Protein backbone atom coordinates (compact mmCIF):
# COMPACT_ATOMS: atom_id res chain seq x y z
CA MET A 1 -22.65 16.64 3.41
CA PHE A 2 -23.36 14.57 0.27
CA THR A 3 -24.88 17.49 -1.63
CA GLN A 4 -22.02 19.80 -0.71
CA LEU A 5 -19.47 17.20 -1.82
CA LYS A 6 -21.38 16.55 -5.04
CA ASP A 7 -21.54 20.29 -5.80
CA LYS A 8 -17.83 20.51 -4.90
CA LYS A 9 -18.48 23.05 -2.19
CA LYS A 10 -16.72 20.68 0.20
CA THR A 11 -13.72 18.41 -0.34
CA LEU A 12 -13.13 14.75 0.50
CA ALA A 13 -9.70 13.55 1.63
CA VAL A 14 -8.27 10.02 1.62
CA VAL A 15 -5.40 9.54 4.05
CA GLY A 16 -3.13 6.63 3.10
CA LEU A 17 -2.79 5.78 -0.59
CA GLY A 18 -1.76 2.15 -0.63
CA TYR A 19 -3.56 -0.74 -2.28
CA VAL A 20 -6.75 0.22 -0.38
CA GLY A 21 -6.62 4.01 -0.29
CA LEU A 22 -5.68 4.79 -3.89
CA PRO A 23 -8.52 2.85 -5.60
CA ILE A 24 -11.20 4.35 -3.36
CA ALA A 25 -9.66 7.82 -3.71
CA LEU A 26 -9.80 7.58 -7.50
CA ALA A 27 -13.35 6.25 -7.36
CA PHE A 28 -14.42 9.21 -5.21
CA ALA A 29 -12.52 11.59 -7.49
CA ARG A 30 -14.85 10.75 -10.37
CA LYS A 31 -17.69 12.30 -8.36
CA PHE A 32 -16.12 14.70 -5.88
CA ARG A 33 -13.13 16.96 -5.39
CA VAL A 34 -10.56 14.82 -3.59
CA ILE A 35 -7.28 15.30 -1.73
CA GLY A 36 -5.12 12.19 -1.79
CA PHE A 37 -2.67 12.35 1.13
CA ASP A 38 0.27 10.07 1.90
CA ILE A 39 3.41 10.62 3.96
CA ASN A 40 5.55 8.83 1.34
CA LYS A 41 6.72 11.56 -1.03
CA ASP A 42 8.03 9.07 -3.59
CA ARG A 43 4.59 7.47 -3.83
CA ILE A 44 3.00 10.89 -4.18
CA ALA A 45 5.38 11.79 -7.03
CA ALA A 46 4.48 8.55 -8.83
CA MET A 47 0.75 9.16 -8.46
CA GLN A 48 1.12 12.74 -9.64
CA ALA A 49 2.59 11.22 -12.79
CA GLY A 50 -0.40 8.89 -13.13
CA LEU A 51 1.37 5.77 -11.87
CA ASP A 52 0.25 3.36 -9.16
CA PRO A 53 3.25 2.39 -6.98
CA SER A 54 1.41 -0.83 -6.03
CA GLN A 55 1.12 -1.77 -9.73
CA GLU A 56 -2.57 -2.58 -9.32
CA LEU A 57 -4.02 0.23 -11.45
CA GLY A 58 -3.13 1.36 -14.95
CA PRO A 59 -2.66 5.00 -16.07
CA GLU A 60 -6.23 5.05 -17.38
CA SER A 61 -7.53 4.82 -13.80
CA PHE A 62 -6.23 8.34 -13.14
CA GLU A 63 -8.00 9.85 -16.15
CA GLY A 64 -11.10 11.98 -15.60
CA THR A 65 -10.50 12.38 -11.87
CA ASP A 66 -10.53 15.52 -9.76
CA ILE A 67 -7.78 14.69 -7.29
CA GLN A 68 -4.81 16.49 -5.76
CA PHE A 69 -2.04 14.21 -4.52
CA THR A 70 0.00 15.66 -1.70
CA ALA A 71 2.27 14.91 1.25
CA ASP A 72 1.60 18.38 2.70
CA GLU A 73 -0.47 17.99 5.85
CA ALA A 74 -1.61 21.63 5.73
CA ILE A 75 -3.68 20.99 2.60
CA LEU A 76 -5.87 18.57 4.56
CA LYS A 77 -7.46 21.57 6.28
CA GLU A 78 -9.38 22.11 3.03
CA ALA A 79 -11.25 18.82 3.50
CA SER A 80 -14.46 18.12 5.41
CA PHE A 81 -14.91 14.38 4.87
CA PHE A 82 -11.89 12.24 5.75
CA VAL A 83 -11.35 8.59 4.82
CA VAL A 84 -8.47 6.92 6.69
CA ALA A 85 -7.05 3.91 4.84
CA VAL A 86 -3.65 3.27 6.40
CA PRO A 87 -2.31 -0.27 6.99
CA THR A 88 -2.77 -2.13 10.27
CA ASP A 89 -0.24 -4.82 11.05
CA VAL A 90 1.06 -6.81 13.99
CA ASP A 91 4.44 -6.56 15.69
CA PRO A 92 6.93 -9.47 15.95
CA HIS A 93 5.00 -10.72 18.99
CA LYS A 94 1.72 -10.82 16.99
CA VAL A 95 0.29 -7.86 18.91
CA PRO A 96 -1.70 -5.29 16.89
CA ASP A 97 0.47 -2.38 15.80
CA LEU A 98 -1.76 0.70 15.65
CA THR A 99 1.11 3.12 15.08
CA PRO A 100 0.15 4.13 11.50
CA LEU A 101 -3.51 4.40 12.50
CA LYS A 102 -2.77 6.58 15.51
CA LYS A 103 -0.42 8.83 13.52
CA ALA A 104 -3.04 9.19 10.78
CA SER A 105 -5.66 10.04 13.41
CA ALA A 106 -3.40 12.75 14.81
CA THR A 107 -2.84 14.15 11.32
CA VAL A 108 -6.58 14.25 10.60
CA GLY A 109 -7.29 15.66 14.05
CA ARG A 110 -5.10 18.67 13.33
CA ALA A 111 -7.14 19.34 10.19
CA LEU A 112 -10.61 18.83 11.70
CA SER A 113 -13.31 21.51 11.84
CA LYS A 114 -16.81 21.46 13.29
CA GLY A 115 -19.23 19.45 11.18
CA ASP A 116 -16.54 17.26 9.60
CA TYR A 117 -16.69 13.48 9.15
CA VAL A 118 -13.90 10.93 9.73
CA ILE A 119 -14.38 7.43 8.30
CA TYR A 120 -11.95 4.59 8.98
CA GLU A 121 -11.35 1.77 6.48
CA SER A 122 -8.38 0.12 8.19
CA THR A 123 -9.00 -3.33 9.68
CA VAL A 124 -9.20 -3.10 13.47
CA TYR A 125 -10.69 -4.92 16.45
CA PRO A 126 -14.21 -3.99 17.59
CA GLY A 127 -14.15 -0.74 19.54
CA CYS A 128 -10.91 0.63 18.09
CA THR A 129 -12.50 3.45 16.09
CA GLU A 130 -14.33 4.93 19.05
CA GLU A 131 -12.03 3.91 21.91
CA ASP A 132 -8.58 4.39 20.36
CA CYS A 133 -8.94 6.71 17.39
CA MET A 134 -11.63 9.18 18.46
CA PRO A 135 -9.77 10.36 21.59
CA ILE A 136 -6.79 11.24 19.38
CA LEU A 137 -9.03 13.18 17.01
CA GLU A 138 -10.51 15.03 20.00
CA SER A 139 -7.14 15.75 21.57
CA GLU A 140 -5.60 17.16 18.38
CA SER A 141 -8.65 19.14 17.27
CA GLY A 142 -10.02 20.36 20.59
CA LEU A 143 -13.43 19.21 19.37
CA ARG A 144 -15.84 16.67 20.81
CA GLY A 145 -16.64 13.50 18.93
CA TYR A 146 -20.27 12.79 18.08
CA LYS A 147 -21.19 16.43 18.86
CA ASP A 148 -18.68 18.56 16.92
CA PHE A 149 -17.65 15.96 14.35
CA LYS A 150 -18.95 12.59 13.25
CA ILE A 151 -17.04 9.34 12.94
CA GLY A 152 -17.79 6.19 11.03
CA TYR A 153 -16.38 2.92 9.79
CA SER A 154 -16.47 1.31 6.34
CA PRO A 155 -14.08 -1.65 6.21
CA GLU A 156 -12.02 -2.00 3.06
CA ARG A 157 -13.14 -4.66 0.66
CA ILE A 158 -10.70 -5.08 -2.14
CA SER A 159 -9.07 -8.09 -3.76
CA PRO A 160 -5.50 -7.35 -4.91
CA GLY A 161 -4.75 -8.73 -8.35
CA ASP A 162 -8.45 -9.19 -9.20
CA LYS A 163 -9.13 -7.22 -12.37
CA THR A 164 -12.82 -8.17 -12.59
CA ARG A 165 -14.04 -7.38 -9.06
CA THR A 166 -12.70 -3.91 -8.45
CA VAL A 167 -13.41 -1.76 -5.42
CA THR A 168 -16.63 -0.41 -6.93
CA ASP A 169 -17.93 -3.91 -7.71
CA ILE A 170 -17.88 -5.19 -4.12
CA LEU A 171 -20.69 -4.49 -1.64
CA LYS A 172 -19.50 -2.05 1.04
CA ILE A 173 -20.38 -2.09 4.73
CA VAL A 174 -20.94 1.37 6.25
CA ALA A 175 -21.66 2.52 9.78
CA GLY A 176 -21.83 5.90 11.48
CA CYS A 177 -21.92 6.99 15.10
CA ASP A 178 -25.64 7.75 14.83
CA GLU A 179 -28.49 7.31 12.37
CA GLU A 180 -27.90 10.61 10.60
CA SER A 181 -24.19 10.00 10.06
CA THR A 182 -24.82 6.45 8.86
CA GLU A 183 -27.20 7.75 6.19
CA ASN A 184 -24.77 10.47 5.08
CA ILE A 185 -21.88 8.00 4.88
CA ALA A 186 -24.06 5.48 3.02
CA GLN A 187 -25.14 8.09 0.50
CA ILE A 188 -21.57 9.19 -0.20
CA TYR A 189 -20.23 5.66 -0.64
CA ASN A 190 -23.29 4.52 -2.57
CA SER A 191 -22.57 7.19 -5.17
CA VAL A 192 -19.36 5.39 -6.22
CA ILE A 193 -19.89 1.75 -5.17
CA LYS A 194 -21.89 0.14 -7.97
CA ALA A 195 -22.57 -2.95 -5.85
CA GLY A 196 -24.26 -0.81 -3.19
CA VAL A 197 -23.81 -0.51 0.56
CA TYR A 198 -24.92 -2.41 3.65
CA ARG A 199 -25.76 -0.32 6.71
CA ALA A 200 -24.44 -1.94 9.89
CA SER A 201 -26.29 -1.05 13.09
CA THR A 202 -23.18 0.26 14.88
CA ILE A 203 -19.52 0.97 14.25
CA LYS A 204 -18.54 -1.99 16.45
CA VAL A 205 -20.72 -4.33 14.40
CA ALA A 206 -19.01 -3.13 11.21
CA GLU A 207 -15.56 -3.55 12.78
CA ALA A 208 -16.42 -7.05 13.97
CA ALA A 209 -17.85 -8.03 10.59
CA LYS A 210 -14.61 -7.11 8.87
CA VAL A 211 -12.32 -8.91 11.26
CA ILE A 212 -14.33 -12.16 11.18
CA GLU A 213 -14.44 -12.25 7.37
CA ASN A 214 -10.73 -13.03 7.26
CA THR A 215 -10.74 -15.01 10.51
CA GLN A 216 -13.27 -17.40 8.97
CA ARG A 217 -11.11 -17.83 5.87
CA ASP A 218 -8.04 -18.34 8.05
CA LEU A 219 -9.74 -21.12 10.00
CA ASN A 220 -11.04 -22.87 6.90
CA ILE A 221 -7.59 -22.81 5.30
CA SER A 222 -6.01 -24.04 8.53
CA LEU A 223 -8.30 -27.07 8.40
CA VAL A 224 -7.22 -28.06 4.89
CA ASN A 225 -3.60 -27.31 5.79
CA GLU A 226 -3.83 -29.70 8.71
CA LEU A 227 -5.49 -32.26 6.44
CA ALA A 228 -2.63 -31.82 3.96
CA ILE A 229 -0.11 -32.61 6.70
CA ILE A 230 -2.06 -35.72 7.70
CA PHE A 231 -2.61 -36.92 4.13
CA ASP A 232 1.05 -36.37 3.27
CA ARG A 233 1.95 -38.91 5.98
CA MET A 234 -0.56 -41.30 4.43
CA ASP A 235 0.85 -40.74 0.94
CA ILE A 236 -2.56 -39.47 -0.20
CA ASP A 237 -2.85 -36.56 -2.65
CA THR A 238 -4.79 -33.80 -0.84
CA LYS A 239 -5.97 -32.16 -4.04
CA GLU A 240 -7.50 -35.42 -5.20
CA VAL A 241 -9.24 -35.81 -1.83
CA LEU A 242 -10.66 -32.29 -2.02
CA ALA A 243 -11.86 -32.88 -5.58
CA ALA A 244 -13.68 -36.02 -4.49
CA ALA A 245 -15.19 -34.39 -1.39
CA GLY A 246 -16.19 -31.40 -3.49
CA THR A 247 -18.76 -33.50 -5.34
CA LYS A 248 -21.06 -33.05 -2.33
CA TRP A 249 -23.26 -29.97 -2.75
CA ASN A 250 -22.43 -28.37 0.61
CA PHE A 251 -18.68 -29.02 0.74
CA GLN A 252 -16.79 -25.72 0.86
CA PRO A 253 -13.87 -25.43 -1.61
CA TYR A 254 -10.77 -24.34 0.29
CA SER A 255 -7.21 -25.23 -0.70
CA PRO A 256 -4.08 -25.67 1.42
CA GLY A 257 -1.31 -23.12 1.15
CA LEU A 258 0.88 -20.47 2.74
CA VAL A 259 -1.33 -17.93 4.49
CA GLY A 260 0.43 -14.58 4.34
CA GLY A 261 -0.46 -11.09 3.24
CA HIS A 262 -1.92 -8.23 5.21
CA CYS A 263 -5.41 -9.65 5.76
CA ILE A 264 -5.91 -13.35 6.47
CA GLY A 265 -2.57 -13.77 8.22
CA VAL A 266 -2.97 -10.62 10.33
CA ASP A 267 -6.62 -9.86 11.08
CA PRO A 268 -7.28 -12.82 13.42
CA TYR A 269 -4.64 -11.44 15.80
CA TYR A 270 -6.74 -8.29 16.22
CA LEU A 271 -9.71 -10.34 17.39
CA LEU A 272 -7.44 -12.46 19.60
CA HIS A 273 -5.97 -9.32 21.17
CA LYS A 274 -9.33 -7.81 22.02
CA SER A 275 -10.69 -11.11 23.29
CA LYS A 276 -7.76 -11.57 25.67
CA GLN A 277 -8.23 -8.02 26.95
CA LEU A 278 -11.75 -9.04 27.90
CA GLY A 279 -10.52 -12.13 29.75
CA TYR A 280 -11.32 -14.80 27.21
CA ASP A 281 -8.54 -16.87 25.66
CA PRO A 282 -9.80 -18.08 22.23
CA GLN A 283 -9.04 -21.70 21.41
CA VAL A 284 -10.19 -22.30 17.84
CA ILE A 285 -8.85 -19.06 16.36
CA LEU A 286 -5.45 -19.48 18.02
CA SER A 287 -5.24 -23.10 16.93
CA GLY A 288 -5.90 -22.12 13.32
CA ARG A 289 -3.20 -19.48 13.48
CA ARG A 290 -0.67 -21.99 14.83
CA VAL A 291 -1.37 -24.39 11.98
CA ASN A 292 -1.08 -21.74 9.28
CA ASP A 293 2.00 -20.11 10.80
CA GLY A 294 3.65 -23.53 10.88
CA MET A 295 3.16 -24.31 7.19
CA PRO A 296 6.42 -22.69 5.94
CA ALA A 297 8.43 -24.98 8.25
CA PHE A 298 6.42 -28.00 7.10
CA VAL A 299 7.11 -27.23 3.42
CA ALA A 300 10.83 -26.60 4.01
CA LYS A 301 11.29 -29.77 6.05
CA ARG A 302 9.43 -31.80 3.42
CA LEU A 303 11.88 -30.58 0.79
CA VAL A 304 14.81 -31.37 3.06
CA GLN A 305 13.46 -34.92 3.42
CA LEU A 306 13.21 -35.30 -0.36
CA LEU A 307 16.73 -33.96 -0.92
CA THR A 308 18.09 -36.30 1.74
CA GLN A 309 16.28 -39.26 0.20
CA LYS A 310 18.02 -38.43 -3.09
CA GLY A 311 21.35 -38.67 -1.27
CA LYS A 312 22.15 -34.98 -1.67
CA ASN A 313 24.42 -32.98 0.63
CA LEU A 314 22.22 -30.15 1.90
CA SER A 315 25.05 -27.64 2.27
CA ALA A 316 25.94 -28.19 -1.39
CA CYS A 317 22.35 -27.88 -2.66
CA LYS A 318 21.00 -24.99 -4.71
CA VAL A 319 17.22 -24.50 -4.63
CA LEU A 320 15.11 -22.16 -6.75
CA VAL A 321 12.06 -20.54 -5.17
CA MET A 322 9.66 -19.07 -7.76
CA GLY A 323 7.53 -16.29 -6.34
CA ILE A 324 7.84 -14.28 -3.13
CA THR A 325 4.76 -12.01 -3.16
CA PHE A 326 1.93 -12.94 -0.81
CA LYS A 327 -0.44 -13.67 -3.70
CA GLU A 328 -0.38 -14.42 -7.41
CA ASN A 329 -0.06 -11.58 -9.92
CA VAL A 330 0.51 -8.83 -7.35
CA ALA A 331 3.64 -6.94 -6.32
CA ASP A 332 2.83 -6.85 -2.60
CA ILE A 333 5.41 -8.66 -0.46
CA ARG A 334 4.05 -7.74 2.98
CA ASN A 335 3.90 -10.64 5.42
CA SER A 336 5.02 -13.08 2.73
CA LYS A 337 5.16 -16.60 4.13
CA VAL A 338 7.40 -17.60 1.22
CA VAL A 339 10.09 -15.64 3.02
CA ASP A 340 9.67 -17.97 5.99
CA VAL A 341 10.15 -20.98 3.70
CA VAL A 342 13.34 -19.42 2.34
CA ARG A 343 14.71 -18.77 5.79
CA GLU A 344 13.88 -22.27 6.96
CA LEU A 345 15.85 -23.66 4.01
CA MET A 346 18.75 -21.32 4.73
CA ASP A 347 18.83 -22.69 8.27
CA PHE A 348 19.78 -26.02 6.65
CA SER A 349 22.68 -24.24 4.85
CA ILE A 350 20.89 -24.58 1.50
CA ASN A 351 21.75 -21.99 -1.16
CA VAL A 352 18.41 -20.43 -2.15
CA HIS A 353 17.76 -18.46 -5.33
CA ILE A 354 14.54 -16.40 -5.50
CA HIS A 355 12.88 -15.22 -8.69
CA ASP A 356 9.68 -13.17 -8.92
CA PRO A 357 8.65 -11.15 -12.00
CA HIS A 358 6.23 -9.03 -9.96
CA ALA A 359 8.19 -8.15 -6.81
CA SER A 360 10.49 -5.15 -6.52
CA PRO A 361 14.11 -6.22 -5.83
CA ASN A 362 14.65 -3.06 -3.78
CA GLU A 363 11.57 -3.70 -1.63
CA VAL A 364 12.56 -7.32 -1.05
CA ALA A 365 16.09 -6.29 -0.09
CA HIS A 366 14.82 -3.57 2.24
CA ALA A 367 12.07 -5.60 3.90
CA TYR A 368 13.74 -9.01 4.13
CA ARG A 369 17.43 -8.57 3.26
CA LEU A 370 17.03 -11.08 0.47
CA THR A 371 18.21 -10.81 -3.14
CA LEU A 372 16.02 -11.52 -6.14
CA GLN A 373 17.49 -13.18 -9.22
CA ASP A 374 16.74 -11.31 -12.45
CA GLU A 375 17.05 -14.49 -14.48
CA ILE A 376 16.54 -18.17 -13.67
CA SER A 377 19.74 -20.16 -14.16
CA THR A 378 20.31 -23.92 -14.21
CA GLY A 379 21.91 -26.61 -12.06
CA TYR A 380 19.30 -26.53 -9.30
CA ASP A 381 18.75 -29.47 -6.99
CA ALA A 382 15.08 -28.61 -6.49
CA VAL A 383 12.48 -26.01 -7.47
CA ILE A 384 9.67 -24.65 -5.34
CA VAL A 385 6.86 -22.89 -7.22
CA ALA A 386 5.51 -20.92 -4.28
CA VAL A 387 3.21 -18.41 -5.99
CA GLY A 388 0.90 -19.02 -8.92
CA HIS A 389 1.93 -16.07 -11.07
CA GLN A 390 0.59 -16.03 -14.61
CA GLU A 391 4.16 -16.30 -15.91
CA PHE A 392 4.56 -19.71 -14.23
CA LEU A 393 1.30 -21.37 -15.27
CA ASN A 394 2.41 -22.75 -18.63
CA LEU A 395 5.76 -24.16 -17.52
CA ASP A 396 5.95 -27.90 -18.10
CA HIS A 397 7.75 -31.04 -16.95
CA ASP A 398 10.64 -30.58 -19.40
CA TYR A 399 11.27 -27.03 -18.22
CA PHE A 400 11.74 -28.07 -14.61
CA VAL A 401 13.91 -31.04 -15.55
CA ASN A 402 16.15 -28.91 -17.79
CA ILE A 403 16.96 -26.31 -15.11
CA GLN A 404 17.89 -28.98 -12.55
CA LYS A 405 20.64 -31.53 -12.00
CA GLY A 406 20.01 -35.26 -11.72
CA ASN A 407 17.10 -36.47 -9.58
CA PRO A 408 15.04 -33.26 -10.08
CA ILE A 409 12.42 -32.26 -7.51
CA LEU A 410 9.43 -29.94 -7.93
CA LEU A 411 7.36 -28.64 -5.02
CA ASP A 412 4.12 -27.14 -6.32
CA ILE A 413 2.80 -25.24 -3.31
CA LYS A 414 -0.28 -23.87 -5.07
CA GLY A 415 -1.07 -27.05 -6.99
CA ILE A 416 -1.09 -25.23 -10.32
CA TYR A 417 0.24 -28.14 -12.39
CA LYS A 418 -1.41 -31.41 -13.29
CA LYS A 419 0.11 -34.34 -11.48
CA GLU A 420 -0.37 -36.59 -14.50
CA ASP A 421 1.78 -34.25 -16.64
CA MET A 422 4.80 -34.91 -14.43
CA ASN A 423 6.43 -38.26 -15.26
CA THR A 424 8.64 -40.36 -13.03
CA SER A 425 11.85 -38.60 -14.10
CA LEU A 426 10.74 -35.73 -11.83
CA THR A 427 9.80 -36.07 -8.17
CA TYR A 428 6.60 -34.00 -7.93
CA TRP A 429 5.05 -32.97 -4.59
CA ARG A 430 2.22 -30.61 -3.78
CA LEU A 431 0.27 -29.61 -0.69
């Protein structure tokens, strides 16, 4: 398979061109002939013009690539090696939503021929690739998995907003359904991943490795979030505590914060779901999720306390929230916990203004029915800096005082400002 792809006798297809699919598709397209498929025609039109709708990649990333962007399912029949990189989310009840993955599997299944490969990059629970996706591929294609076509798993490893560690700079896990397929998959990925590949023993091992990466981070952050809640009641600065504890060689540096996005805040629910199916009710993982999911309410109520202490009428207050994306310097608003903070404040009848230089106003309006402010005004009763965008880093004490009324308040969720730079004319609070 590798030789035929390298000689461009066969074609590779990437299904799903979001923040995961597009970078790997372009990386492959520097070596192979690639079909980039997505059901969103507007995204396809942008990519055909050399633009990344996710705003992660510049026009230069499209240069020197052999790739055909399309929303036409029929063109997928030209491919022999399929990479599925569609999003996996949870529903409002925190149950895994495999709808995009199942639809993508059906699409690929209709294009499958004997000898083809299908590799999944979407985050799933152990067993999903073989137990949920392969039957769909078989049903749509009329072929038998393992015998007529091979399947594999190579979990996405990409850090949105990170311009130094790109997709090709991060070690990639690969796994096939047998030894031969694992080697073929490893060879193909190894040709574009400069950091190399790690061969997992089975597809389930690779799936489990991916889901625990983010579960571990979720639990570590939940610990420091719980500490932040405790230390806040003690009037102790959590950041100062962490700095002191960090002087020990084996102390792990995690910071408190709002845990959103499409990885850390979602992936643990996949492991929880599978575990409960098997009759085990996880305690530690679920506890960590409860703590992190409760942080938006904690932040909002803390601000309400500060406003009340200043003698302000909540229904007459105007609060500025700076940043709504799930992470600094990215445009992605999926599963943004800042939105939860905003809604908590609105429940107290507070007038909330939101400003974010990276987020799309249309996407925010469509996803959350919230309006972004193009410009920051004045006369605020409090400001919450919720995301550490580059544009916010150099703002100082005077700036926050000047855009507020008397008794100004600043909540620095990410702890991006120095406490000593904020004098007593401003009430400064951070997690």
